[in-house]
C-alpha atoms as a PDB file:
ATOM      1  CA  UNK A   1      61.225 269.038 126.366  1.00  0.00           C
ATOM      2  CA  UNK A   2      58.948 268.107 123.485  1.00  0.00           C
ATOM      3  CA  UNK A   3      55.640 269.674 122.829  1.00  0.00           C
ATOM      4  CA  UNK A   4      52.720 267.521 121.931  1.00  0.00           C
ATOM      5  CA  UNK A   5      50.653 268.709 119.056  1.00  0.00           C
ATOM      6  CA  UNK A   6      47.247 267.557 118.135  1.00  0.00           C
ATOM      7  CA  UNK A   7      44.969 268.280 115.262  1.00  0.00           C
ATOM      8  CA  UNK A   8      43.674 266.700 112.147  1.00  0.00           C
ATOM      9  CA  UNK A   9      44.660 266.647 108.572  1.00  0.00           C
ATOM     10  CA  UNK A  10      42.345 265.800 105.726  1.00  0.00           C
ATOM     11  CA  UNK A  11      44.019 264.402 102.665  1.00  0.00           C
ATOM     12  CA  UNK A  12      42.070 263.304  99.667  1.00  0.00           C
ATOM     13  CA  UNK A  13      43.781 260.680  97.591  1.00  0.00           C
ATOM     14  CA  UNK A  14      42.457 259.626  94.233  1.00  0.00           C
ATOM     15  CA  UNK A  15      40.920 256.195  94.108  1.00  0.00           C
ATOM     16  CA  UNK A  16      42.810 253.341  92.515  1.00  0.00           C
ATOM     17  CA  UNK A  17      43.008 253.379  88.775  1.00  0.00           C
ATOM     18  CA  UNK A  18      42.555 250.098  87.002  1.00  0.00           C
ATOM     19  CA  UNK A  19      43.567 250.054  83.393  1.00  0.00           C
ATOM     20  CA  UNK A  20      41.880 247.472  81.270  1.00  0.00           C
ATOM     21  CA  UNK A  21      44.283 245.974  78.758  1.00  0.00           C
ATOM     22  CA  UNK A  22      43.337 246.185  75.133  1.00  0.00           C
ATOM     23  CA  UNK A  23      42.857 243.151  72.934  1.00  0.00           C
ATOM     24  CA  UNK A  24      46.512 242.995  71.847  1.00  0.00           C
ATOM     25  CA  UNK A  25      47.766 243.283  75.428  1.00  0.00           C
ATOM     26  CA  UNK A  26      45.275 240.679  76.654  1.00  0.00           C
ATOM     27  CA  UNK A  27      46.586 238.143  74.173  1.00  0.00           C
ATOM     28  CA  UNK A  28      50.195 238.950  75.096  1.00  0.00           C
ATOM     29  CA  UNK A  29      49.528 238.563  78.824  1.00  0.00           C
ATOM     30  CA  UNK A  30      48.259 235.022  78.267  1.00  0.00           C
ATOM     31  CA  UNK A  31      51.019 234.153  75.783  1.00  0.00           C
ATOM     32  CA  UNK A  32      53.713 235.385  78.180  1.00  0.00           C
ATOM     33  CA  UNK A  33      52.305 233.481  81.136  1.00  0.00           C
ATOM     34  CA  UNK A  34      51.944 230.243  79.190  1.00  0.00           C
ATOM     35  CA  UNK A  35      55.461 230.601  77.794  1.00  0.00           C
ATOM     36  CA  UNK A  36      56.801 231.030  81.331  1.00  0.00           C
ATOM     37  CA  UNK A  37      55.017 227.849  82.422  1.00  0.00           C
ATOM     38  CA  UNK A  38      56.393 226.014  79.400  1.00  0.00           C
ATOM     39  CA  UNK A  39      59.906 227.205  80.309  1.00  0.00           C
ATOM     40  CA  UNK A  40      59.491 225.660  83.773  1.00  0.00           C
ATOM     41  CA  UNK A  41      58.468 222.333  82.251  1.00  0.00           C
ATOM     42  CA  UNK A  42      61.366 222.466  79.775  1.00  0.00           C
ATOM     43  CA  UNK A  43      63.892 223.262  82.522  1.00  0.00           C
ATOM     44  CA  UNK A  44      62.636 220.341  84.617  1.00  0.00           C
ATOM     45  CA  UNK A  45      63.357 217.920  81.764  1.00  0.00           C
ATOM     46  CA  UNK A  46      60.337 215.936  82.950  1.00  0.00           C
ATOM     47  CA  UNK A  47      58.571 213.886  80.257  1.00  0.00           C
ATOM     48  CA  UNK A  48      55.516 216.157  80.254  1.00  0.00           C
ATOM     49  CA  UNK A  49      54.193 216.228  76.705  1.00  0.00           C
ATOM     50  CA  UNK A  50      50.457 216.908  76.698  1.00  0.00           C
ATOM     51  CA  UNK A  51      50.664 219.848  79.102  1.00  0.00           C
ATOM     52  CA  UNK A  52      53.750 221.267  77.382  1.00  0.00           C
ATOM     53  CA  UNK A  53      52.183 221.063  73.936  1.00  0.00           C
ATOM     54  CA  UNK A  54      48.878 222.439  75.201  1.00  0.00           C
ATOM     55  CA  UNK A  55      50.679 225.418  76.764  1.00  0.00           C
ATOM     56  CA  UNK A  56      52.739 225.890  73.609  1.00  0.00           C
ATOM     57  CA  UNK A  57      49.699 225.748  71.347  1.00  0.00           C
ATOM     58  CA  UNK A  58      47.722 228.222  73.441  1.00  0.00           C
ATOM     59  CA  UNK A  59      50.721 230.531  73.631  1.00  0.00           C
ATOM     60  CA  UNK A  60      51.183 230.419  69.855  1.00  0.00           C
ATOM     61  CA  UNK A  61      47.474 231.055  69.342  1.00  0.00           C
ATOM     62  CA  UNK A  62      47.611 234.131  71.562  1.00  0.00           C
ATOM     63  CA  UNK A  63      50.775 235.495  69.938  1.00  0.00           C
ATOM     64  CA  UNK A  64      49.275 235.147  66.463  1.00  0.00           C
ATOM     65  CA  UNK A  65      46.011 236.715  67.616  1.00  0.00           C
ATOM     66  CA  UNK A  66      47.928 239.657  69.113  1.00  0.00           C
ATOM     67  CA  UNK A  67      49.474 240.293  65.692  1.00  0.00           C
ATOM     68  CA  UNK A  68      46.127 240.022  63.949  1.00  0.00           C
ATOM     69  CA  UNK A  69      44.415 242.242  66.513  1.00  0.00           C
ATOM     70  CA  UNK A  70      47.079 244.907  65.922  1.00  0.00           C
ATOM     71  CA  UNK A  71      46.461 244.488  62.179  1.00  0.00           C
ATOM     72  CA  UNK A  72      42.784 245.324  62.706  1.00  0.00           C
ATOM     73  CA  UNK A  73      41.028 242.006  63.267  1.00  0.00           C
ATOM     74  CA  UNK A  74      38.236 242.235  65.822  1.00  0.00           C
ATOM     75  CA  UNK A  75      37.651 239.961  68.791  1.00  0.00           C
ATOM     76  CA  UNK A  76      34.626 238.544  66.977  1.00  0.00           C
ATOM     77  CA  UNK A  77      36.652 237.788  63.824  1.00  0.00           C
ATOM     78  CA  UNK A  78      39.403 236.119  65.874  1.00  0.00           C
ATOM     79  CA  UNK A  79      36.872 233.982  67.724  1.00  0.00           C
ATOM     80  CA  UNK A  80      34.950 232.932  64.628  1.00  0.00           C
ATOM     81  CA  UNK A  81      34.412 229.276  63.886  1.00  0.00           C
ATOM     82  CA  UNK A  82      37.244 227.944  61.768  1.00  0.00           C
ATOM     83  CA  UNK A  83      39.646 230.584  63.081  1.00  0.00           C
ATOM     84  CA  UNK A  84      39.416 230.589  66.875  1.00  0.00           C
ATOM     85  CA  UNK A  85      41.803 227.728  67.749  1.00  0.00           C
ATOM     86  CA  UNK A  86      42.906 226.963  64.199  1.00  0.00           C
ATOM     87  CA  UNK A  87      46.667 227.438  64.377  1.00  0.00           C
ATOM     88  CA  UNK A  88      47.129 226.822  60.655  1.00  0.00           C
ATOM     89  CA  UNK A  89      44.587 229.498  59.718  1.00  0.00           C
ATOM     90  CA  UNK A  90      45.970 231.959  62.288  1.00  0.00           C
ATOM     91  CA  UNK A  91      49.535 231.291  61.075  1.00  0.00           C
ATOM     92  CA  UNK A  92      48.556 231.896  57.453  1.00  0.00           C
ATOM     93  CA  UNK A  93      46.812 235.168  58.325  1.00  0.00           C
ATOM     94  CA  UNK A  94      49.649 236.445  60.565  1.00  0.00           C
ATOM     95  CA  UNK A  95      52.526 235.260  58.365  1.00  0.00           C
ATOM     96  CA  UNK A  96      52.512 238.305  56.077  1.00  0.00           C
ATOM     97  CA  UNK A  97      52.741 240.652  59.064  1.00  0.00           C
ATOM     98  CA  UNK A  98      55.572 238.637  60.605  1.00  0.00           C
ATOM     99  CA  UNK A  99      57.364 238.031  57.295  1.00  0.00           C
ATOM    100  CA  UNK A 100      57.061 234.271  57.704  1.00  0.00           C
ATOM    101  CA  UNK A 101      56.384 231.577  55.159  1.00  0.00           C
ATOM    102  CA  UNK A 102      52.581 231.249  55.012  1.00  0.00           C
ATOM    103  CA  UNK A 103      52.931 227.467  55.002  1.00  0.00           C
ATOM    104  CA  UNK A 104      53.236 226.590  58.681  1.00  0.00           C
ATOM    105  CA  UNK A 105      56.232 224.500  59.705  1.00  0.00           C
ATOM    106  CA  UNK A 106      55.775 220.937  60.939  1.00  0.00           C
ATOM    107  CA  UNK A 107      55.826 221.845  64.626  1.00  0.00           C
ATOM    108  CA  UNK A 108      52.862 224.185  64.095  1.00  0.00           C
ATOM    109  CA  UNK A 109      50.976 221.392  62.323  1.00  0.00           C
ATOM    110  CA  UNK A 110      51.622 219.072  65.286  1.00  0.00           C
ATOM    111  CA  UNK A 111      50.329 221.711  67.714  1.00  0.00           C
ATOM    112  CA  UNK A 112      47.318 222.359  65.493  1.00  0.00           C
ATOM    113  CA  UNK A 113      46.423 218.671  65.346  1.00  0.00           C
ATOM    114  CA  UNK A 114      46.208 218.494  69.129  1.00  0.00           C
ATOM    115  CA  UNK A 115      44.769 221.951  69.764  1.00  0.00           C
ATOM    116  CA  UNK A 116      43.116 223.323  66.650  1.00  0.00           C
ATOM    117  CA  UNK A 117      39.731 221.711  66.716  1.00  0.00           C
ATOM    118  CA  UNK A 118      37.663 218.773  67.818  1.00  0.00           C
ATOM    119  CA  UNK A 119      38.556 216.395  69.306  1.00  0.00           C
ATOM    120  CA  UNK A 120      41.221 218.623  70.996  1.00  0.00           C
ATOM    121  CA  UNK A 121      43.547 215.725  71.849  1.00  0.00           C
ATOM    122  CA  UNK A 122      45.870 217.774  74.061  1.00  0.00           C
ATOM    123  CA  UNK A 123      42.915 218.488  76.335  1.00  0.00           C
ATOM    124  CA  UNK A 124      40.759 215.385  75.949  1.00  0.00           C
ATOM    125  CA  UNK A 125      42.888 212.310  75.496  1.00  0.00           C
ATOM    126  CA  UNK A 126      40.232 209.769  74.561  1.00  0.00           C
ATOM    127  CA  UNK A 127      39.878 207.162  71.876  1.00  0.00           C
ATOM    128  CA  UNK A 128      43.429 207.539  70.613  1.00  0.00           C
ATOM    129  CA  UNK A 129      46.339 205.153  70.768  1.00  0.00           C
ATOM    130  CA  UNK A 130      49.162 207.500  69.906  1.00  0.00           C
ATOM    131  CA  UNK A 131      49.834 211.172  69.642  1.00  0.00           C
ATOM    132  CA  UNK A 132      52.588 213.307  68.149  1.00  0.00           C
ATOM    133  CA  UNK A 133      54.028 215.830  70.551  1.00  0.00           C
ATOM    134  CA  UNK A 134      57.034 218.107  70.606  1.00  0.00           C
ATOM    135  CA  UNK A 135      59.568 218.023  73.462  1.00  0.00           C
ATOM    136  CA  UNK A 136      59.199 221.079  75.691  1.00  0.00           C
ATOM    137  CA  UNK A 137      62.792 222.225  75.116  1.00  0.00           C
ATOM    138  CA  UNK A 138      62.331 222.293  71.332  1.00  0.00           C
ATOM    139  CA  UNK A 139      58.975 223.986  71.667  1.00  0.00           C
ATOM    140  CA  UNK A 140      60.496 226.736  73.828  1.00  0.00           C
ATOM    141  CA  UNK A 141      63.060 227.476  71.126  1.00  0.00           C
ATOM    142  CA  UNK A 142      60.490 227.601  68.332  1.00  0.00           C
ATOM    143  CA  UNK A 143      58.117 229.807  70.303  1.00  0.00           C
ATOM    144  CA  UNK A 144      60.898 232.151  71.450  1.00  0.00           C
ATOM    145  CA  UNK A 145      61.728 232.840  67.801  1.00  0.00           C
ATOM    146  CA  UNK A 146      58.072 233.553  67.025  1.00  0.00           C
ATOM    147  CA  UNK A 147      57.756 235.784  70.092  1.00  0.00           C
ATOM    148  CA  UNK A 148      60.745 237.801  68.904  1.00  0.00           C
ATOM    149  CA  UNK A 149      59.074 238.316  65.502  1.00  0.00           C
ATOM    150  CA  UNK A 150      55.797 239.220  67.202  1.00  0.00           C
ATOM    151  CA  UNK A 151      57.490 241.780  69.456  1.00  0.00           C
ATOM    152  CA  UNK A 152      59.300 243.336  66.492  1.00  0.00           C
ATOM    153  CA  UNK A 153      56.070 243.584  64.495  1.00  0.00           C
ATOM    154  CA  UNK A 154      54.110 245.074  67.388  1.00  0.00           C
ATOM    155  CA  UNK A 155      56.852 247.628  68.074  1.00  0.00           C
ATOM    156  CA  UNK A 156      56.947 248.693  64.411  1.00  0.00           C
ATOM    157  CA  UNK A 157      53.142 248.737  64.132  1.00  0.00           C
ATOM    158  CA  UNK A 158      52.914 250.940  67.226  1.00  0.00           C
ATOM    159  CA  UNK A 159      55.392 253.459  65.819  1.00  0.00           C
ATOM    160  CA  UNK A 160      53.724 253.623  62.406  1.00  0.00           C
END
């Protein structure tokens, strides 16, 4: 025979806690997501060049900005005219932290030419008859190497 019990219980649970990512983490979230999308395009082997290079360029921009943010650059400085989407300028500024050659390699120049400033050919494909682009598979390899350097720098900068 079971006995029925009745009553009430008041339990107070804390409300949800939402942590706002810092500037470095915000850049890494975007870089990681765009890299994942680029990996999908690369694995499909579809001839998708503009989207792949646009994703790659934005991912590189965010990785480099994460490094610079950790090095003390402010959001305002990273968004300044001449720096904001300028992959060459961002590369040159981040290179010393990542122990890279300050002269960007050719693939970064290609990404910069389509992403780094007006007319933003990867986004607005007008009034052009040809465009250099990097195959998604190659781009994934190049960006994976940069991401590894970025992660190593951020880990060492956090411990210092």
